[in-house]
Amino acid sequence: MNTFIEITGLNIELLIFLTIDITIAIILLCAMRFISGLSAKVNSTDELAKEDNFAFGISVAGSVAALGIVLTGAITGENADSYLMEIVGMASYGILGLILIKVGRVFHDRFALNQIDKNAQIKARNISVGIVDAAGAIATAIIIRAVLLWVYGLDINTFAAIIAGFIVSQAMLVLVTRIKEHQYAKNNQNSCMQNAFAEGQVALAIRYAGQVISTALAVTAASHFLTYSPETLLANIVGWFVFGMVMTILVAILTSIAKRLVLMGINLVEEVDHQHNVGVACVEMAISISIALILTALMS
């Protein structure tokens, strides 16, 4: 065994830290599945396996992926001073991330998509609403992860910064939703985008998913320009919001240009809004996320 460790360069202490992190992560991911069932007031096993509710499965998948994203922010690559501190740190960040993802879902329901009952729609097997719900959770997680990597330490200031970052994320998602609703109404004789989701327009939901996820990626760019300090936390959070708005506008402009070039000759309103062309919507989503990823990488 010692020879193997010497040859591979493995470190027993590092393996123990890795085991601790992976074990806690798997426990939390399992918990997320059952908590998703409780929040939707259904039996997750029955809904996934017996009822074959694809919409619920997509929603749960979004929540699980979101928690995984948050946990990557809790694992910074630096081990704690002791195994106990590693357990406390990983579990604390993980549980807080799980709670914020679920709270974010409630916030998204009440303020962003306040004209539809997402739980009822998902129980009714509405796949478009399941996609929208999953996208909201993932977008929230992307920003929480960025804040986790931005802060340091494990104290009240750290948790205050994480919660503040969460509030910023929800504000940005509400703002983007309102902008997209206005655009949809303008292009569709004042029709309501939320009603379109309720009617099961999957293509529209896919496009919206790309828009909110790209917005979240744009907001995270602020972490590369602002230095975390407990003494200037309020100013930093305001900076996150302002910088996030600027980046969101920049991503929206560049994405619009990219879509016109990549999808040249295609009427996006006609194809996605009217003909519900899922293929075109997927390309739109890919362009939105790609532009946001490229821009944030250039900013880092």
Protein backbone atom coordinates (compact mmCIF):
# COMPACT_ATOMS: atom_id res chain seq x y z
CA MET A 1 0.00 0.00 0.00
CA ASN A 2 2.79 2.43 0.92
CA THR A 3 4.58 1.61 -2.34
CA PHE A 4 1.40 2.35 -4.29
CA ILE A 5 1.01 5.68 -2.50
CA GLU A 6 4.63 6.59 -3.25
CA ILE A 7 4.28 5.66 -6.94
CA THR A 8 1.00 7.52 -7.48
CA GLY A 9 1.87 10.47 -5.28
CA LEU A 10 -1.33 10.08 -3.28
CA ASN A 11 -1.54 11.52 0.20
CA ILE A 12 -3.52 9.67 2.89
CA GLU A 13 -4.60 12.90 4.55
CA LEU A 14 -5.79 14.30 1.22
CA LEU A 15 -7.76 11.10 0.57
CA ILE A 16 -9.47 11.44 3.95
CA PHE A 17 -10.46 15.05 3.18
CA LEU A 18 -11.71 13.92 -0.22
CA THR A 19 -13.76 11.13 1.38
CA ILE A 20 -15.30 13.57 3.84
CA ASP A 21 -16.30 16.03 1.08
CA ILE A 22 -17.68 13.36 -1.26
CA THR A 23 -19.66 11.68 1.54
CA ILE A 24 -21.27 14.94 2.65
CA ALA A 25 -21.98 15.90 -0.96
CA ILE A 26 -23.77 12.60 -1.70
CA ILE A 27 -25.83 12.86 1.51
CA LEU A 28 -26.91 16.40 0.60
CA LEU A 29 -27.74 15.42 -3.00
CA CYS A 30 -29.93 12.60 -1.69
CA ALA A 31 -31.59 15.02 0.70
CA MET A 32 -32.31 17.43 -2.14
CA ARG A 33 -34.36 14.83 -3.99
CA PHE A 34 -36.62 14.15 -1.02
CA ILE A 35 -36.88 17.81 -0.05
CA SER A 36 -38.00 18.53 -3.62
CA GLY A 37 -40.82 16.05 -3.11
CA LEU A 38 -41.79 17.59 0.23
CA SER A 39 -41.84 21.14 -1.15
CA ALA A 40 -44.02 19.98 -4.07
CA LYS A 41 -46.20 17.97 -1.64
CA VAL A 42 -45.68 14.72 -3.53
CA ASN A 43 -43.88 11.42 -3.00
CA SER A 44 -40.72 11.83 -5.08
CA THR A 45 -40.37 8.07 -5.69
CA ASP A 46 -43.95 7.73 -6.93
CA GLU A 47 -43.78 10.89 -9.01
CA LEU A 48 -40.53 9.86 -10.72
CA ALA A 49 -41.01 6.11 -11.16
CA LYS A 50 -44.73 5.32 -10.96
CA GLU A 51 -46.33 8.45 -12.37
CA ASP A 52 -43.47 9.02 -14.85
CA ASN A 53 -43.83 12.77 -14.34
CA PHE A 54 -41.14 14.17 -16.63
CA ALA A 55 -41.80 17.75 -15.52
CA PHE A 56 -41.13 16.81 -11.88
CA GLY A 57 -38.01 14.93 -12.94
CA ILE A 58 -36.68 17.98 -14.79
CA SER A 59 -37.41 20.17 -11.76
CA VAL A 60 -35.61 17.77 -9.39
CA ALA A 61 -32.71 17.46 -11.83
CA GLY A 62 -32.36 21.25 -11.79
CA SER A 63 -32.33 21.31 -7.98
CA VAL A 64 -29.77 18.49 -7.74
CA ALA A 65 -27.53 20.12 -10.37
CA ALA A 66 -27.87 23.44 -8.55
CA LEU A 67 -26.75 21.92 -5.27
CA GLY A 68 -23.81 20.28 -7.02
CA ILE A 69 -22.79 23.68 -8.41
CA VAL A 70 -23.00 25.24 -4.94
CA LEU A 71 -20.92 22.43 -3.43
CA THR A 72 -18.11 23.09 -5.92
CA GLY A 73 -17.90 26.52 -4.36
CA ALA A 74 -17.62 25.01 -0.89
CA ILE A 75 -14.67 22.85 -2.01
CA THR A 76 -11.94 25.38 -2.72
CA GLY A 77 -9.05 22.94 -2.96
CA GLU A 78 -7.64 24.04 0.39
CA ASN A 79 -8.09 21.64 3.28
CA ALA A 80 -9.28 22.82 6.67
CA ASP A 81 -7.04 22.74 9.74
CA SER A 82 -8.69 19.53 10.94
CA TYR A 83 -11.09 16.83 9.81
CA LEU A 84 -13.77 18.24 12.12
CA MET A 85 -13.45 21.72 10.59
CA GLU A 86 -13.68 20.20 7.12
CA ILE A 87 -16.90 18.42 8.10
CA VAL A 88 -18.34 21.57 9.70
CA GLY A 89 -17.35 23.80 6.77
CA MET A 90 -18.55 21.49 4.01
CA ALA A 91 -21.79 20.62 5.80
CA SER A 92 -22.50 24.26 6.73
CA TYR A 93 -21.98 25.59 3.22
CA GLY A 94 -23.85 22.65 1.72
CA ILE A 95 -26.88 22.96 3.98
CA LEU A 96 -26.97 26.74 3.52
CA GLY A 97 -26.78 26.24 -0.24
CA LEU A 98 -29.61 23.70 -0.15
CA ILE A 99 -31.78 26.08 1.88
CA LEU A 100 -31.05 29.06 -0.38
CA ILE A 101 -31.86 27.05 -3.51
CA LYS A 102 -35.26 26.11 -2.09
CA VAL A 103 -35.88 29.64 -0.80
CA GLY A 104 -34.86 30.93 -4.20
CA ARG A 105 -37.49 28.71 -5.78
CA VAL A 106 -40.16 30.24 -3.54
CA PHE A 107 -38.87 33.75 -4.30
CA HIS A 108 -38.89 33.01 -8.03
CA ASP A 109 -42.47 31.73 -7.77
CA ARG A 110 -43.77 34.76 -5.91
CA PHE A 111 -41.92 37.59 -7.59
CA ALA A 112 -40.56 36.50 -10.99
CA LEU A 113 -43.23 34.06 -12.23
CA ASN A 114 -46.03 35.26 -10.00
CA GLN A 115 -48.88 34.64 -12.44
CA ILE A 116 -48.66 30.85 -12.50
CA ASP A 117 -48.69 28.14 -9.83
CA LYS A 118 -45.48 26.26 -10.59
CA ASN A 119 -46.16 23.39 -8.18
CA ALA A 120 -49.58 22.76 -9.70
CA GLN A 121 -48.21 23.03 -13.23
CA ILE A 122 -45.37 20.60 -12.50
CA LYS A 123 -47.78 18.11 -10.88
CA ALA A 124 -49.87 18.45 -14.04
CA ARG A 125 -46.79 17.33 -16.05
CA ASN A 126 -46.11 20.70 -17.64
CA ILE A 127 -42.60 20.20 -19.01
CA SER A 128 -42.09 23.87 -19.93
CA VAL A 129 -42.67 24.94 -16.31
CA GLY A 130 -40.33 22.18 -15.15
CA ILE A 131 -37.61 23.59 -17.41
CA VAL A 132 -38.20 27.13 -16.15
CA ASP A 133 -38.06 25.92 -12.54
CA ALA A 134 -34.80 24.02 -13.12
CA ALA A 135 -33.22 27.01 -14.88
CA GLY A 136 -34.09 29.31 -11.98
CA ALA A 137 -32.47 26.95 -9.48
CA ILE A 138 -29.31 26.58 -11.58
CA ALA A 139 -29.02 30.34 -12.12
CA THR A 140 -29.34 30.94 -8.38
CA ALA A 141 -26.68 28.30 -7.68
CA ILE A 142 -24.21 29.80 -10.15
CA ILE A 143 -24.23 33.12 -8.29
CA ILE A 144 -24.11 31.49 -4.84
CA ARG A 145 -21.07 29.47 -6.00
CA ALA A 146 -19.34 32.65 -7.17
CA VAL A 147 -19.95 34.28 -3.78
CA LEU A 148 -18.61 31.18 -1.97
CA LEU A 149 -15.40 31.40 -3.98
CA TRP A 150 -15.25 35.16 -3.42
CA VAL A 151 -15.47 35.10 0.39
CA TYR A 152 -13.10 33.39 2.81
CA GLY A 153 -13.29 32.12 6.37
CA LEU A 154 -16.21 30.60 8.24
CA ASP A 155 -17.92 33.24 10.36
CA ILE A 156 -21.03 35.43 10.51
CA ASN A 157 -19.62 37.84 7.91
CA THR A 158 -19.13 34.99 5.46
CA PHE A 159 -22.72 33.83 5.80
CA ALA A 160 -23.97 37.43 5.58
CA ALA A 161 -22.08 37.84 2.30
CA ILE A 162 -23.53 34.59 0.93
CA ILE A 163 -27.09 35.61 1.81
CA ALA A 164 -26.53 39.08 0.35
CA GLY A 165 -25.24 37.48 -2.85
CA PHE A 166 -28.36 35.33 -2.93
CA ILE A 167 -30.56 38.44 -2.68
CA VAL A 168 -28.66 40.01 -5.56
CA SER A 169 -29.19 36.88 -7.65
CA GLN A 170 -32.94 36.91 -7.07
CA ALA A 171 -33.20 40.62 -7.86
CA MET A 172 -31.37 40.09 -11.15
CA LEU A 173 -33.59 37.13 -12.10
CA VAL A 174 -36.75 39.14 -11.43
CA LEU A 175 -35.38 42.04 -13.48
CA VAL A 176 -34.46 39.82 -16.43
CA THR A 177 -37.85 38.07 -16.29
CA ARG A 178 -39.66 41.40 -16.47
CA ILE A 179 -37.53 42.51 -19.43
CA LYS A 180 -38.18 39.26 -21.29
CA GLU A 181 -41.90 39.49 -20.52
CA HIS A 182 -41.95 42.99 -22.02
CA GLN A 183 -40.14 41.77 -25.14
CA TYR A 184 -42.47 38.80 -25.51
CA ALA A 185 -45.57 40.99 -25.16
CA LYS A 186 -44.17 43.45 -27.71
CA ASN A 187 -43.60 40.65 -30.25
CA ASN A 188 -46.87 38.82 -29.59
CA GLN A 189 -49.68 41.39 -29.43
CA ASN A 190 -49.36 41.94 -25.64
CA SER A 191 -49.60 38.21 -24.87
CA CYS A 192 -48.32 37.06 -21.47
CA MET A 193 -45.11 35.00 -21.40
CA GLN A 194 -46.12 33.32 -18.15
CA ASN A 195 -49.39 32.18 -19.69
CA ALA A 196 -47.38 30.74 -22.57
CA PHE A 197 -45.36 28.71 -20.05
CA ALA A 198 -48.61 27.49 -18.47
CA GLU A 199 -49.82 26.44 -21.93
CA GLY A 200 -46.76 24.22 -22.28
CA GLN A 201 -44.62 26.11 -24.79
CA VAL A 202 -41.39 24.16 -24.35
CA ALA A 203 -39.39 26.14 -26.93
CA LEU A 204 -40.10 29.40 -25.10
CA ALA A 205 -39.08 27.81 -21.79
CA ILE A 206 -35.77 26.63 -23.29
CA ARG A 207 -35.01 30.13 -24.57
CA TYR A 208 -35.86 31.61 -21.16
CA ALA A 209 -33.61 29.05 -19.45
CA GLY A 210 -30.68 30.20 -21.56
CA GLN A 211 -31.44 33.82 -20.74
CA VAL A 212 -31.55 33.40 -16.94
CA ILE A 213 -28.48 31.13 -16.82
CA SER A 214 -26.48 33.54 -19.00
CA THR A 215 -27.57 36.38 -16.69
CA ALA A 216 -26.30 34.47 -13.66
CA LEU A 217 -22.96 33.87 -15.38
CA ALA A 218 -22.72 37.57 -16.22
CA VAL A 219 -23.34 38.59 -12.60
CA THR A 220 -20.52 36.32 -11.37
CA ALA A 221 -17.97 38.42 -13.27
CA ALA A 222 -18.17 40.95 -10.42
CA SER A 223 -16.18 38.58 -8.20
CA HIS A 224 -13.09 39.21 -10.36
CA PHE A 225 -13.17 42.98 -9.79
CA LEU A 226 -14.34 43.36 -6.19
CA THR A 227 -12.23 42.33 -3.21
CA TYR A 228 -14.05 40.71 -0.30
CA SER A 229 -13.79 42.58 2.98
CA PRO A 230 -16.15 42.21 5.97
CA GLU A 231 -15.71 45.93 6.69
CA THR A 232 -16.98 47.01 3.26
CA LEU A 233 -19.54 44.26 2.72
CA LEU A 234 -22.48 46.57 1.94
CA ALA A 235 -20.49 48.54 -0.61
CA ASN A 236 -19.29 45.30 -2.20
CA ILE A 237 -22.81 43.91 -2.51
CA VAL A 238 -24.02 47.14 -4.13
CA GLY A 239 -21.02 46.81 -6.44
CA TRP A 240 -22.10 43.24 -7.29
CA PHE A 241 -25.57 44.47 -8.23
CA VAL A 242 -24.40 47.43 -10.32
CA PHE A 243 -21.65 45.45 -12.04
CA GLY A 244 -24.12 42.61 -12.59
CA MET A 245 -26.56 44.96 -14.33
CA VAL A 246 -23.84 46.32 -16.59
CA MET A 247 -22.63 42.83 -17.48
CA THR A 248 -26.21 41.63 -18.06
CA ILE A 249 -26.83 44.45 -20.52
CA LEU A 250 -23.51 43.75 -22.25
CA VAL A 251 -24.28 40.02 -22.53
CA ALA A 252 -27.77 40.78 -23.86
CA ILE A 253 -26.36 43.08 -26.58
CA LEU A 254 -23.62 40.65 -27.64
CA THR A 255 -26.05 37.70 -27.55
CA SER A 256 -28.51 39.58 -29.76
CA ILE A 257 -25.75 40.25 -32.29
CA ALA A 258 -24.52 36.64 -32.15
CA LYS A 259 -28.03 35.26 -32.67
CA ARG A 260 -28.57 37.43 -35.72
CA LEU A 261 -25.32 36.13 -37.24
CA VAL A 262 -25.48 32.46 -36.19
CA LEU A 263 -29.18 32.15 -37.01
CA MET A 264 -29.11 34.42 -40.04
CA GLY A 265 -32.19 34.09 -42.24
CA ILE A 266 -34.34 32.64 -39.43
CA ASN A 267 -37.23 34.59 -37.95
CA LEU A 268 -36.75 33.80 -34.24
CA VAL A 269 -40.11 35.23 -33.15
CA GLU A 270 -41.96 33.17 -35.73
CA GLU A 271 -39.99 29.96 -35.11
CA VAL A 272 -39.91 29.99 -31.29
CA ASP A 273 -42.92 32.07 -30.21
CA HIS A 274 -45.40 30.91 -32.84
CA GLN A 275 -44.19 27.58 -34.23
CA HIS A 276 -42.63 26.37 -30.93
CA ASN A 277 -39.46 25.22 -32.70
CA VAL A 278 -37.47 23.49 -29.94
CA GLY A 279 -34.40 23.10 -32.15
CA VAL A 280 -34.06 26.83 -32.79
CA ALA A 281 -34.72 27.54 -29.10
CA CYS A 282 -31.90 25.16 -28.13
CA VAL A 283 -29.51 27.00 -30.43
CA GLU A 284 -30.63 30.30 -28.87
CA MET A 285 -29.98 28.90 -25.39
CA ALA A 286 -26.54 27.66 -26.42
CA ILE A 287 -25.62 31.04 -27.89
CA SER A 288 -26.78 32.91 -24.75
CA ILE A 289 -24.78 30.69 -22.41
CA SER A 290 -21.73 30.61 -24.71
CA ILE A 291 -21.51 34.40 -24.96
CA ALA A 292 -21.84 34.72 -21.16
CA LEU A 293 -19.15 32.08 -20.57
CA ILE A 294 -16.75 33.71 -23.04
CA LEU A 295 -17.29 37.17 -21.62
CA THR A 296 -16.86 36.11 -18.00
CA ALA A 297 -13.71 34.16 -18.94
CA LEU A 298 -12.27 37.28 -20.57
CA MET A 299 -13.11 39.28 -17.43
CA SER A 300 -11.37 36.84 -15.08
